[in-house]
N, C-alpha and C. Protein backbone atom coordinates (compact mmCIF):
# COMPACT_ATOMS: atom_id res chain seq x y z
N UNK A 1 45.40 41.54 -18.30
CA UNK A 1 44.53 41.73 -17.18
C UNK A 1 43.10 42.50 -17.73
N UNK A 2 42.03 42.05 -17.33
CA UNK A 2 40.94 42.65 -17.57
C UNK A 2 40.51 43.70 -16.65
N UNK A 3 40.19 44.85 -17.26
CA UNK A 3 40.02 46.19 -16.61
C UNK A 3 38.46 46.29 -16.53
N UNK A 4 37.69 46.73 -15.21
CA UNK A 4 36.35 47.00 -15.15
C UNK A 4 36.22 48.31 -15.98
N UNK A 5 35.02 48.36 -16.77
CA UNK A 5 34.65 49.53 -17.16
C UNK A 5 34.15 50.60 -16.12
N UNK A 6 34.47 51.77 -16.29
CA UNK A 6 33.85 52.74 -15.44
C UNK A 6 32.36 52.84 -15.63
N UNK A 7 32.00 53.17 -14.27
CA UNK A 7 30.33 53.29 -14.45
C UNK A 7 30.10 54.42 -13.29
N UNK A 8 28.78 54.83 -13.54
CA UNK A 8 28.07 55.91 -12.79
C UNK A 8 26.76 55.25 -12.27
N UNK A 9 26.37 55.65 -11.12
CA UNK A 9 25.02 55.09 -10.60
C UNK A 9 24.38 56.18 -9.80
N UNK A 10 23.01 56.32 -9.91
CA UNK A 10 22.22 57.22 -9.04
C UNK A 10 21.10 56.52 -8.75
N UNK A 11 20.53 56.87 -7.71
CA UNK A 11 19.14 56.28 -7.00
C UNK A 11 18.41 57.45 -6.46
N UNK A 12 17.05 57.12 -6.45
CA UNK A 12 16.08 58.06 -5.75
C UNK A 12 14.86 57.07 -5.37
N UNK A 13 14.19 57.55 -4.37
CA UNK A 13 13.06 57.04 -3.93
C UNK A 13 11.81 57.69 -4.27
N UNK A 14 10.82 57.30 -4.83
CA UNK A 14 9.63 57.95 -5.37
C UNK A 14 8.45 57.33 -4.77
N UNK A 15 7.48 58.19 -4.15
CA UNK A 15 6.19 57.72 -3.83
C UNK A 15 5.21 57.26 -4.67
N UNK A 16 5.54 56.59 -5.73
CA UNK A 16 4.63 55.85 -6.42
C UNK A 16 4.98 54.30 -6.68
N UNK A 17 4.10 53.56 -7.05
CA UNK A 17 4.44 51.89 -7.12
C UNK A 17 5.34 51.69 -8.32
N UNK A 18 6.08 50.68 -8.33
CA UNK A 18 6.83 50.31 -9.64
C UNK A 18 6.24 50.55 -10.92
N UNK A 19 4.94 49.91 -11.10
CA UNK A 19 4.27 49.85 -12.31
C UNK A 19 4.21 51.53 -12.90
N UNK A 20 3.95 52.41 -11.93
CA UNK A 20 3.91 53.73 -12.28
C UNK A 20 5.13 54.39 -12.59
N UNK A 21 6.09 54.05 -11.87
CA UNK A 21 7.26 54.41 -11.93
C UNK A 21 7.95 54.13 -13.35
N UNK A 22 7.94 52.88 -13.56
CA UNK A 22 8.39 52.30 -14.84
C UNK A 22 7.71 52.96 -15.99
N UNK A 23 6.51 53.17 -15.84
CA UNK A 23 5.81 53.71 -16.87
C UNK A 23 6.25 55.17 -17.20
N UNK A 24 6.66 55.83 -16.26
CA UNK A 24 6.98 57.31 -16.38
C UNK A 24 8.40 57.06 -17.01
N UNK A 25 9.19 56.31 -16.83
CA UNK A 25 10.53 56.32 -17.16
C UNK A 25 10.57 55.91 -18.62
N UNK A 26 9.34 55.30 -19.07
CA UNK A 26 9.26 54.86 -20.51
C UNK A 26 8.59 55.63 -21.38
N UNK A 27 8.16 56.98 -20.90
CA UNK A 27 7.17 57.89 -21.59
C UNK A 27 8.23 58.28 -22.85
N UNK A 28 7.37 58.97 -23.84
CA UNK A 28 8.04 59.33 -25.18
C UNK A 28 7.43 60.76 -25.49
N UNK A 29 7.95 61.24 -26.50
CA UNK A 29 7.27 62.41 -27.12
C UNK A 29 7.42 63.73 -26.11
N UNK A 30 6.42 64.49 -26.26
CA UNK A 30 6.16 65.74 -25.35
C UNK A 30 6.52 65.30 -23.96
N UNK A 31 5.69 64.27 -23.46
CA UNK A 31 5.71 64.15 -22.06
C UNK A 31 7.21 63.87 -21.66
N UNK A 32 7.96 63.09 -22.46
CA UNK A 32 9.39 62.80 -22.02
C UNK A 32 10.24 64.17 -21.94
N UNK A 33 9.99 64.78 -23.18
CA UNK A 33 10.69 66.02 -23.29
C UNK A 33 10.48 66.97 -22.16
N UNK A 34 9.38 66.78 -21.60
CA UNK A 34 8.82 67.89 -20.51
C UNK A 34 9.57 67.47 -19.19
N UNK A 35 10.21 66.44 -18.85
CA UNK A 35 10.68 66.00 -17.55
C UNK A 35 12.18 65.55 -17.82
N UNK A 36 12.50 65.26 -18.88
CA UNK A 36 13.85 64.65 -19.02
C UNK A 36 15.06 65.57 -19.46
N UNK A 37 15.76 66.04 -18.61
CA UNK A 37 16.73 67.31 -19.03
C UNK A 37 17.85 66.54 -20.01
N UNK A 38 17.89 65.39 -20.04
CA UNK A 38 19.10 64.97 -20.85
C UNK A 38 18.64 64.93 -22.36
N UNK A 39 17.45 64.78 -22.91
CA UNK A 39 17.08 64.69 -24.20
C UNK A 39 16.71 65.80 -24.75
N UNK A 40 17.07 66.12 -26.01
CA UNK A 40 16.64 67.06 -26.78
C UNK A 40 15.58 66.79 -27.89
N UNK A 41 15.89 65.55 -28.27
CA UNK A 41 14.98 64.78 -29.16
C UNK A 41 15.08 63.37 -29.00
N UNK A 42 14.14 62.43 -29.14
CA UNK A 42 14.14 61.14 -28.98
C UNK A 42 13.11 60.29 -29.77
N UNK A 43 13.22 59.27 -30.33
CA UNK A 43 12.27 58.61 -31.00
C UNK A 43 12.56 56.94 -31.21
N UNK A 44 11.47 56.20 -31.12
CA UNK A 44 11.69 54.76 -31.48
C UNK A 44 11.97 54.65 -32.93
N UNK A 45 12.77 53.48 -33.20
CA UNK A 45 12.95 53.44 -34.55
C UNK A 45 12.10 52.31 -35.15
N UNK A 46 11.33 52.18 -35.95
CA UNK A 46 10.54 51.05 -36.51
C UNK A 46 9.63 50.49 -35.52
N UNK A 47 9.29 51.34 -34.42
CA UNK A 47 8.42 50.68 -33.34
C UNK A 47 7.58 51.67 -32.70
N UNK A 48 6.33 51.25 -32.25
CA UNK A 48 5.50 52.16 -31.59
C UNK A 48 5.62 52.29 -30.13
N UNK A 49 6.18 51.34 -29.47
CA UNK A 49 6.40 51.35 -28.15
C UNK A 49 7.54 50.63 -27.87
N UNK A 50 8.19 50.99 -26.73
CA UNK A 50 9.43 50.20 -26.23
C UNK A 50 9.26 48.94 -26.02
N UNK A 51 10.50 48.07 -26.17
CA UNK A 51 10.39 46.70 -25.73
C UNK A 51 11.89 46.17 -26.18
N UNK A 52 11.96 44.93 -25.68
CA UNK A 52 13.21 44.17 -26.26
C UNK A 52 13.61 44.23 -27.57
N UNK A 53 14.69 44.57 -27.96
CA UNK A 53 15.36 44.66 -29.29
C UNK A 53 14.88 45.90 -29.87
N UNK A 54 14.04 46.80 -29.31
CA UNK A 54 13.57 48.05 -30.10
C UNK A 54 14.74 49.02 -30.09
N UNK A 55 14.80 49.70 -31.09
CA UNK A 55 16.00 50.74 -31.11
C UNK A 55 15.47 52.17 -30.95
N UNK A 56 16.13 52.90 -30.45
CA UNK A 56 15.91 54.36 -30.16
C UNK A 56 16.91 55.33 -30.60
N UNK A 57 16.54 56.40 -31.39
CA UNK A 57 17.57 57.28 -31.56
C UNK A 57 17.27 58.49 -30.54
N UNK A 58 18.41 58.99 -29.92
CA UNK A 58 18.33 59.94 -28.82
C UNK A 58 19.33 60.99 -29.11
N UNK A 59 18.93 62.40 -29.17
CA UNK A 59 19.84 63.50 -29.35
C UNK A 59 19.93 64.24 -28.07
N UNK A 60 21.18 64.14 -27.37
CA UNK A 60 21.31 64.86 -26.17
C UNK A 60 21.11 66.05 -26.17
N UNK A 61 20.87 66.97 -25.00
CA UNK A 61 20.66 68.34 -25.00
C UNK A 61 22.21 68.80 -25.32
N UNK A 62 23.17 68.12 -24.62
CA UNK A 62 24.62 68.75 -24.58
C UNK A 62 25.16 68.38 -26.05
N UNK A 63 24.54 67.77 -26.87
CA UNK A 63 25.08 67.50 -28.38
C UNK A 63 24.99 65.96 -28.93
N UNK A 64 25.65 65.15 -28.29
CA UNK A 64 25.85 63.88 -28.86
C UNK A 64 24.42 63.20 -29.46
N UNK A 65 24.56 62.28 -30.41
CA UNK A 65 23.51 61.60 -30.75
C UNK A 65 23.73 60.11 -30.56
N UNK A 66 22.91 59.25 -30.12
CA UNK A 66 23.13 57.85 -29.99
C UNK A 66 22.00 56.84 -30.51
N UNK A 67 22.26 55.97 -31.25
CA UNK A 67 21.07 54.99 -31.57
C UNK A 67 21.48 53.80 -30.56
N UNK A 68 20.43 53.36 -29.79
CA UNK A 68 20.70 52.39 -28.83
C UNK A 68 19.65 51.35 -28.94
N UNK A 69 19.71 49.99 -28.29
CA UNK A 69 18.86 49.19 -28.39
C UNK A 69 18.50 48.53 -27.01
N UNK A 70 17.29 48.40 -26.90
CA UNK A 70 16.96 47.66 -25.41
C UNK A 70 17.36 46.18 -25.50
N UNK A 71 18.14 45.95 -24.64
CA UNK A 71 18.77 44.54 -24.51
C UNK A 71 17.80 43.76 -23.52
N UNK A 72 16.99 44.47 -22.57
CA UNK A 72 16.13 43.88 -21.90
C UNK A 72 14.99 44.85 -21.55
N UNK A 73 13.66 44.20 -21.32
CA UNK A 73 12.68 45.08 -21.09
C UNK A 73 11.72 44.20 -20.24
N UNK A 74 11.67 44.55 -18.89
CA UNK A 74 11.00 43.73 -17.95
C UNK A 74 9.98 44.47 -17.14
N UNK A 75 8.82 45.25 -17.62
CA UNK A 75 8.01 45.96 -16.96
C UNK A 75 7.59 45.16 -15.62
N UNK A 76 7.47 45.69 -14.44
CA UNK A 76 7.71 46.94 -13.98
C UNK A 76 9.18 47.04 -13.29
N UNK A 77 10.03 46.11 -13.41
CA UNK A 77 11.21 45.90 -12.68
C UNK A 77 12.53 46.48 -13.33
N UNK A 78 12.73 46.43 -14.63
CA UNK A 78 13.98 47.10 -15.15
C UNK A 78 13.91 47.19 -16.86
N UNK A 79 14.94 47.75 -17.34
CA UNK A 79 15.05 48.02 -18.53
C UNK A 79 16.70 48.04 -18.65
N UNK A 80 17.20 47.38 -19.80
CA UNK A 80 18.66 47.74 -20.18
C UNK A 80 18.68 48.10 -21.64
N UNK A 81 19.86 48.78 -21.77
CA UNK A 81 20.18 49.16 -23.23
C UNK A 81 21.50 49.17 -23.50
N UNK A 82 21.89 49.09 -24.77
CA UNK A 82 23.24 49.18 -25.24
C UNK A 82 23.28 50.09 -26.57
N UNK A 83 24.50 50.86 -26.55
CA UNK A 83 24.71 51.70 -27.66
C UNK A 83 25.07 50.83 -28.97
N UNK A 84 24.52 51.23 -29.92
CA UNK A 84 24.68 50.56 -31.40
C UNK A 84 25.50 51.45 -32.10
N UNK A 85 25.18 52.77 -32.12
CA UNK A 85 26.06 53.85 -32.84
C UNK A 85 25.95 55.13 -32.03
N UNK A 86 27.18 55.54 -31.74
CA UNK A 86 27.16 57.03 -30.90
C UNK A 86 28.26 57.74 -31.23
N UNK A 87 28.73 58.65 -30.23
CA UNK A 87 29.97 59.46 -30.32
C UNK A 87 30.94 58.65 -30.47
N UNK A 88 31.92 59.26 -31.24
CA UNK A 88 33.26 58.56 -31.71
C UNK A 88 34.03 58.09 -30.43
N UNK A 89 33.78 58.92 -29.29
CA UNK A 89 34.73 58.55 -28.17
C UNK A 89 34.23 57.26 -27.28
N UNK A 90 33.07 56.84 -27.49
CA UNK A 90 32.56 55.88 -26.87
C UNK A 90 32.93 54.51 -27.66
N UNK A 91 33.65 53.55 -27.22
CA UNK A 91 33.76 52.23 -27.81
C UNK A 91 32.59 51.48 -27.34
N UNK A 92 32.14 51.46 -26.04
CA UNK A 92 30.89 50.89 -25.62
C UNK A 92 30.15 51.89 -24.64
N UNK A 93 28.64 51.65 -24.75
CA UNK A 93 27.98 52.40 -23.83
C UNK A 93 26.73 51.50 -23.33
N UNK A 94 26.42 51.58 -22.08
CA UNK A 94 25.30 50.83 -21.73
C UNK A 94 24.55 51.19 -20.48
N UNK A 95 23.23 51.21 -20.30
CA UNK A 95 22.59 51.46 -19.15
C UNK A 95 21.63 50.60 -18.72
N UNK A 96 21.37 50.58 -17.36
CA UNK A 96 20.22 49.70 -16.92
C UNK A 96 19.54 50.44 -15.57
N UNK A 97 18.17 50.80 -15.94
CA UNK A 97 17.26 51.20 -15.02
C UNK A 97 16.67 50.07 -14.15
N UNK A 98 16.72 49.98 -12.87
CA UNK A 98 15.91 49.13 -11.86
C UNK A 98 14.85 49.76 -11.09
N UNK A 99 13.60 49.14 -10.79
CA UNK A 99 12.67 49.76 -10.01
C UNK A 99 12.15 48.76 -9.04
N UNK A 100 12.43 48.94 -7.87
CA UNK A 100 12.11 47.80 -6.81
C UNK A 100 11.24 48.46 -5.78
N UNK A 101 10.23 47.76 -5.29
CA UNK A 101 9.16 48.33 -4.39
C UNK A 101 9.82 48.62 -3.11
N UNK A 102 9.50 49.67 -2.44
CA UNK A 102 10.19 49.98 -1.27
C UNK A 102 9.17 50.95 -0.44
N UNK A 103 8.80 50.53 0.82
CA UNK A 103 8.02 51.49 1.53
C UNK A 103 8.73 52.15 2.39
N UNK A 104 8.37 53.34 2.59
CA UNK A 104 9.02 54.26 3.51
C UNK A 104 7.84 55.06 4.28
N UNK A 105 8.04 55.12 5.65
CA UNK A 105 7.04 55.66 6.63
C UNK A 105 5.74 55.43 6.09
N UNK A 106 5.43 54.17 5.78
CA UNK A 106 4.13 53.60 5.57
C UNK A 106 3.50 54.13 4.16
N UNK A 107 4.35 54.54 3.34
CA UNK A 107 4.19 54.96 1.95
C UNK A 107 4.67 53.95 1.08
N UNK A 108 3.86 53.44 0.23
CA UNK A 108 4.13 52.45 -0.85
C UNK A 108 5.01 53.30 -1.88
N UNK A 109 6.05 52.98 -2.41
CA UNK A 109 7.02 53.61 -3.31
C UNK A 109 7.92 52.71 -4.03
N UNK A 110 8.84 53.38 -4.50
CA UNK A 110 9.91 52.62 -5.46
C UNK A 110 11.09 53.14 -5.45
N UNK A 111 12.13 52.25 -5.33
CA UNK A 111 13.38 52.64 -5.22
C UNK A 111 14.00 52.57 -6.78
N UNK A 112 14.33 53.70 -7.32
CA UNK A 112 14.72 53.63 -8.43
C UNK A 112 16.47 53.65 -8.64
N UNK A 113 17.07 52.78 -9.35
CA UNK A 113 18.61 52.77 -9.29
C UNK A 113 18.90 52.65 -10.71
N UNK A 114 19.62 53.59 -11.39
CA UNK A 114 19.99 53.87 -12.67
C UNK A 114 21.54 53.79 -12.71
N UNK A 115 22.09 52.96 -13.73
CA UNK A 115 23.56 52.82 -13.88
C UNK A 115 23.84 52.88 -15.35
N UNK A 116 24.90 53.59 -15.47
CA UNK A 116 25.47 53.60 -16.97
C UNK A 116 27.07 53.07 -16.85
N UNK A 117 27.47 52.30 -17.85
CA UNK A 117 28.70 51.77 -17.95
C UNK A 117 29.18 52.04 -19.49
N UNK A 118 30.50 52.22 -19.47
CA UNK A 118 31.11 52.51 -20.85
C UNK A 118 32.48 52.18 -20.93
N UNK A 119 33.08 52.32 -22.22
CA UNK A 119 34.57 52.29 -22.35
C UNK A 119 34.71 53.39 -23.32
N UNK A 120 35.98 53.81 -23.55
CA UNK A 120 36.38 55.04 -24.47
C UNK A 120 37.31 54.46 -25.43
N UNK A 121 37.42 55.24 -26.62
CA UNK A 121 38.29 54.82 -27.62
C UNK A 121 38.99 56.25 -27.93
N UNK A 122 40.19 56.12 -28.40
CA UNK A 122 41.21 55.11 -28.28
C UNK A 122 41.43 54.80 -26.86
N UNK A 123 41.65 53.36 -26.60
CA UNK A 123 41.88 52.97 -25.28
C UNK A 123 42.97 53.69 -24.31
N UNK A 124 44.04 54.19 -25.23
CA UNK A 124 45.02 54.98 -24.46
C UNK A 124 44.52 56.20 -23.71
N UNK A 125 43.31 56.62 -24.18
CA UNK A 125 42.67 57.82 -23.60
C UNK A 125 41.89 57.54 -22.28
N UNK A 126 41.89 56.14 -22.12
CA UNK A 126 40.95 55.92 -20.68
C UNK A 126 41.52 56.60 -19.53
N UNK A 127 42.67 56.62 -19.17
CA UNK A 127 43.12 57.17 -17.87
C UNK A 127 42.92 58.65 -17.84
N UNK A 128 42.74 59.37 -18.76
CA UNK A 128 42.30 60.83 -18.81
C UNK A 128 40.62 60.80 -18.93
N UNK A 129 40.16 60.10 -19.82
CA UNK A 129 38.83 60.09 -20.35
C UNK A 129 37.73 59.56 -19.08
N UNK A 130 38.21 58.52 -18.50
CA UNK A 130 37.31 57.96 -17.48
C UNK A 130 36.98 58.66 -16.54
N UNK A 131 38.00 59.36 -15.69
CA UNK A 131 37.64 60.43 -14.80
C UNK A 131 36.56 61.60 -14.99
N UNK A 132 37.09 61.90 -16.28
CA UNK A 132 36.08 63.19 -16.86
C UNK A 132 34.66 62.46 -17.17
N UNK A 133 34.53 61.03 -17.61
CA UNK A 133 33.21 60.53 -18.01
C UNK A 133 32.55 60.29 -16.57
N UNK A 134 33.16 60.02 -15.45
CA UNK A 134 32.52 59.68 -14.18
C UNK A 134 31.99 61.03 -13.70
N UNK A 135 32.82 62.17 -13.80
CA UNK A 135 32.14 63.47 -13.36
C UNK A 135 31.06 63.88 -14.25
N UNK A 136 31.22 63.88 -15.49
CA UNK A 136 30.28 64.54 -16.43
C UNK A 136 28.91 63.53 -16.46
N UNK A 137 29.14 62.02 -16.73
CA UNK A 137 27.92 61.35 -16.68
C UNK A 137 27.36 61.21 -15.15
N UNK A 138 28.23 61.33 -14.45
CA UNK A 138 27.75 61.15 -12.97
C UNK A 138 26.86 62.16 -12.61
N UNK A 139 27.19 63.67 -13.04
CA UNK A 139 26.33 64.70 -12.84
C UNK A 139 25.06 64.61 -13.72
N UNK A 140 25.12 64.13 -14.91
CA UNK A 140 23.96 64.14 -15.93
C UNK A 140 23.08 62.94 -15.37
N UNK A 141 23.56 61.82 -14.80
CA UNK A 141 22.46 60.83 -14.39
C UNK A 141 21.93 61.07 -13.13
N UNK A 142 22.50 61.95 -12.16
CA UNK A 142 21.98 62.52 -11.08
C UNK A 142 20.73 63.43 -11.14
N UNK A 143 21.20 64.33 -12.23
CA UNK A 143 20.19 65.40 -12.69
C UNK A 143 19.07 64.71 -13.40
N UNK A 144 19.21 63.91 -13.99
CA UNK A 144 18.09 63.00 -14.84
C UNK A 144 17.35 62.32 -13.71
N UNK A 145 17.85 61.57 -12.81
CA UNK A 145 16.94 60.69 -11.99
C UNK A 145 16.26 61.65 -10.93
N UNK A 146 16.86 62.97 -10.65
CA UNK A 146 16.21 63.92 -9.88
C UNK A 146 14.88 64.42 -10.83
N UNK A 147 15.05 64.74 -11.73
CA UNK A 147 13.98 65.01 -12.70
C UNK A 147 12.87 63.90 -12.88
N UNK A 148 13.44 62.79 -12.91
CA UNK A 148 12.45 61.67 -13.14
C UNK A 148 11.55 61.62 -11.77
N UNK A 149 12.33 61.65 -10.67
CA UNK A 149 11.53 61.74 -9.52
C UNK A 149 10.39 62.71 -9.23
N UNK A 150 10.72 63.72 -9.59
CA UNK A 150 9.80 65.01 -9.66
C UNK A 150 8.58 64.73 -10.77
N UNK A 151 8.92 64.08 -12.01
CA UNK A 151 7.92 63.78 -12.88
C UNK A 151 6.93 62.65 -12.18
N UNK A 152 7.50 61.81 -11.52
CA UNK A 152 6.55 60.83 -10.92
C UNK A 152 5.60 61.35 -9.88
N UNK A 153 5.86 62.69 -9.57
CA UNK A 153 4.82 63.42 -8.62
C UNK A 153 4.04 64.37 -9.31
N UNK A 154 4.28 64.73 -10.88
CA UNK A 154 3.56 65.66 -11.53
C UNK A 154 2.28 64.98 -12.03
N UNK A 155 1.34 65.75 -11.67
CA UNK A 155 -0.13 65.19 -12.15
C UNK A 155 -0.42 65.08 -13.67
N UNK A 156 0.36 65.94 -14.35
CA UNK A 156 0.10 65.88 -15.88
C UNK A 156 0.94 64.62 -16.42
N UNK A 157 2.15 64.47 -15.83
CA UNK A 157 2.84 63.36 -16.47
C UNK A 157 2.24 61.89 -15.98
N UNK A 158 1.82 61.73 -14.49
CA UNK A 158 0.96 60.67 -14.22
C UNK A 158 -0.21 60.55 -15.06
N UNK A 159 -1.07 61.74 -15.40
CA UNK A 159 -2.11 61.41 -16.20
C UNK A 159 -1.82 60.76 -17.54
N UNK A 160 -0.64 61.00 -18.13
CA UNK A 160 -0.39 60.60 -19.49
C UNK A 160 0.17 59.04 -19.29
N UNK A 161 0.34 58.66 -18.18
CA UNK A 161 0.53 57.13 -18.24
C UNK A 161 -0.44 56.37 -17.70
């Protein structure tokens, strides 16, 4: 029987158009470190800008390091990534960020929906690890998208994109 992989999802509405929201989500360097509470260090591997098949090394503030690859890159609507190398306890890890135009109270904005999906190893650990992962990764993704929403209203961040 095929089991669904666990996932966490978070969403936010941001009062900027999808082009801007997408651009903020793809910032790098000091701009990214200024708003993204998840990242301690991040850089693209052998590339100057994000794009399909570009690899990224990310060191999380909570410790783990991951090399991921963009499996999709569709400005201004979505990005998707998958783990190539990461913490020993992840057999797989992937994420997708979507940006959809959504007007609220006459204000043009964006509905951002972020989702992470994973599986753990060894497989027998899943009954214990999956609920912990839902709680921990759920907390992280909610904090991250909230920080992203604030960044989309920060004049310094907007000036950088």
